[in-house]
Amino acid sequence: MPADGQSHIRVARPSRDLAAAERFWVAGLGLSVLYRAQSHGVPGEHDLLMVGWTDASWHLELVQEAGAAVRPSPTEEDLLVVYLDEEVPDELVARLEEHGGKRVLSPNPYWNEWGVTVEDPDGYRLVLCKRAWSNS
């Protein structure tokens, strides 16, 4: 089966603190925990948290391995954009901040005009865009 528009997408990222990430993405944004696994200290294994909306064709995988060399190193352009097709609710931004997020300005003026950018506890950026998605 070839990859196409119906293929499910997983975005995988390292995390320094899965509990903090879960607070941000689940309690803050409103995603669900789809799966979790713990390494229980087994060498070469890692703790894993998958979050997303159950009806979405994508999910976010966050991994943490004690003593691992891979650490989050996001840039200002590592974005996960959610198109809301409405104004960004102040309550949502406040909830994200209450759960470990930090509102920041984007170096790209487009995102400042059309949305709100919030860094998660690992420094990755979530953009809540008030526009609707259009591929045209």
Protein backbone atom coordinates (compact mmCIF):
# COMPACT_ATOMS: atom_id res chain seq x y z
CA MET A 1 0.00 0.00 0.00
CA PRO A 2 1.56 3.32 -1.00
CA ALA A 3 1.68 6.34 1.25
CA ASP A 4 -1.22 8.67 0.57
CA GLY A 5 -3.51 11.19 2.26
CA GLN A 6 -5.08 8.46 4.39
CA SER A 7 -1.77 7.30 5.87
CA HIS A 8 -1.46 7.85 9.62
CA ILE A 9 1.41 10.12 10.69
CA ARG A 10 3.48 9.84 13.86
CA VAL A 11 5.58 12.82 14.94
CA ALA A 12 8.27 11.55 17.32
CA ARG A 13 10.27 13.76 19.66
CA PRO A 14 12.55 13.30 22.64
CA SER A 15 11.43 14.72 25.97
CA ARG A 16 13.29 15.62 29.15
CA ASP A 17 10.22 15.10 31.34
CA LEU A 18 7.26 13.01 30.15
CA ALA A 19 5.08 14.04 33.10
CA ALA A 20 5.54 17.73 32.21
CA ALA A 21 4.92 16.99 28.54
CA GLU A 22 1.75 15.08 29.41
CA ARG A 23 0.44 17.99 31.49
CA PHE A 24 0.97 20.37 28.57
CA TRP A 25 -0.38 18.21 25.74
CA VAL A 26 -3.18 16.42 27.60
CA ALA A 27 -4.37 18.74 30.39
CA GLY A 28 -3.36 21.88 28.46
CA LEU A 29 -4.29 21.24 24.83
CA GLY A 30 -6.80 18.47 25.41
CA LEU A 31 -5.15 15.56 23.62
CA SER A 32 -5.73 12.01 24.88
CA VAL A 33 -3.12 9.53 26.03
CA LEU A 34 -3.21 6.90 23.29
CA TYR A 35 -0.43 4.68 24.65
CA ARG A 36 2.27 4.66 27.27
CA ALA A 37 5.12 2.33 28.14
CA GLN A 38 7.76 2.39 30.84
CA SER A 39 11.24 0.97 30.54
CA HIS A 40 11.57 0.13 34.26
CA GLY A 41 15.27 0.84 33.94
CA VAL A 42 15.96 -1.84 31.31
CA PRO A 43 19.11 -0.80 29.39
CA GLY A 44 18.36 0.30 25.83
CA GLU A 45 14.64 0.70 26.54
CA HIS A 46 12.83 4.01 26.90
CA ASP A 47 9.72 5.50 28.42
CA LEU A 48 7.12 6.34 25.82
CA LEU A 49 4.03 8.53 25.72
CA MET A 50 1.79 8.77 22.65
CA VAL A 51 -0.82 11.54 22.65
CA GLY A 52 -3.37 12.72 20.12
CA TRP A 53 -7.02 13.05 19.35
CA THR A 54 -8.54 9.59 18.96
CA ASP A 55 -10.20 10.52 15.64
CA ALA A 56 -7.11 12.19 14.14
CA SER A 57 -4.85 10.71 11.46
CA TRP A 58 -1.73 11.72 13.39
CA HIS A 59 -0.29 11.40 16.88
CA LEU A 60 2.65 12.75 18.82
CA GLU A 61 5.14 10.28 20.30
CA LEU A 62 7.31 11.53 23.15
CA VAL A 63 10.23 9.41 24.33
CA GLN A 64 12.59 9.63 27.25
CA GLU A 65 15.53 7.39 28.02
CA ALA A 66 17.40 7.80 31.26
CA GLY A 67 21.01 8.70 30.55
CA ALA A 68 20.44 8.90 26.78
CA ALA A 69 22.49 11.29 24.70
CA VAL A 70 19.42 12.39 22.69
CA ARG A 71 17.91 15.49 24.23
CA PRO A 72 15.34 17.89 22.81
CA SER A 73 17.00 20.55 20.66
CA PRO A 74 14.13 22.40 18.98
CA THR A 75 14.57 25.50 16.87
CA GLU A 76 12.15 28.40 16.48
CA GLU A 77 10.88 26.73 13.30
CA ASP A 78 10.06 23.31 14.80
CA LEU A 79 6.30 23.86 14.77
CA LEU A 80 3.19 21.79 15.25
CA VAL A 81 0.37 23.92 13.82
CA VAL A 82 -3.28 23.34 14.70
CA TYR A 83 -5.72 25.19 12.42
CA LEU A 84 -8.72 26.25 14.52
CA ASP A 85 -10.75 28.15 11.91
CA GLU A 86 -11.76 30.61 14.64
CA GLU A 87 -10.17 33.04 17.06
CA VAL A 88 -7.73 31.44 19.48
CA PRO A 89 -9.57 31.18 22.81
CA ASP A 90 -7.81 33.09 25.59
CA GLU A 91 -8.88 30.29 27.97
CA LEU A 92 -6.97 27.73 25.88
CA VAL A 93 -3.78 29.80 25.89
CA ALA A 94 -4.13 30.35 29.65
CA ARG A 95 -4.65 26.61 30.21
CA LEU A 96 -1.54 25.80 28.15
CA GLU A 97 0.47 28.29 30.23
CA GLU A 98 -0.93 26.87 33.48
CA HIS A 99 0.25 23.43 32.36
CA GLY A 100 3.85 24.33 31.57
CA GLY A 101 3.62 26.24 28.29
CA LYS A 102 5.22 29.59 27.57
CA ARG A 103 3.69 32.02 25.08
CA VAL A 104 6.35 33.34 22.70
CA LEU A 105 6.57 35.49 19.60
CA SER A 106 7.44 33.74 16.38
CA PRO A 107 10.33 34.95 14.22
CA ASN A 108 7.88 34.51 11.33
CA PRO A 109 5.41 37.45 11.39
CA TYR A 110 2.78 35.27 9.68
CA TRP A 111 2.28 33.19 12.83
CA ASN A 112 2.11 36.30 15.02
CA GLU A 113 -0.60 37.77 12.79
CA TRP A 114 -2.65 34.58 12.36
CA GLY A 115 -2.17 32.75 15.62
CA VAL A 116 -0.59 32.25 18.98
CA THR A 117 2.67 30.38 19.54
CA VAL A 118 3.27 28.46 22.77
CA GLU A 119 6.42 26.53 23.68
CA ASP A 120 5.92 23.17 25.34
CA PRO A 121 8.09 22.18 28.35
CA ASP A 122 10.75 20.80 25.99
CA GLY A 123 10.89 24.01 23.92
CA TYR A 124 8.98 22.72 20.88
CA ARG A 125 6.46 25.18 19.52
CA LEU A 126 2.73 24.73 19.13
CA VAL A 127 0.98 27.27 16.92
CA LEU A 128 -2.75 27.73 17.36
CA CYS A 129 -3.79 29.27 14.05
CA LYS A 130 -7.08 31.10 13.74
CA ARG A 131 -7.21 30.39 10.03
CA ALA A 132 -8.69 27.32 8.41
CA TRP A 133 -6.41 24.88 6.63
CA SER A 134 -6.38 25.29 2.88
CA ASN A 135 -3.96 23.66 0.51
CA SER A 136 -4.58 26.22 -2.18
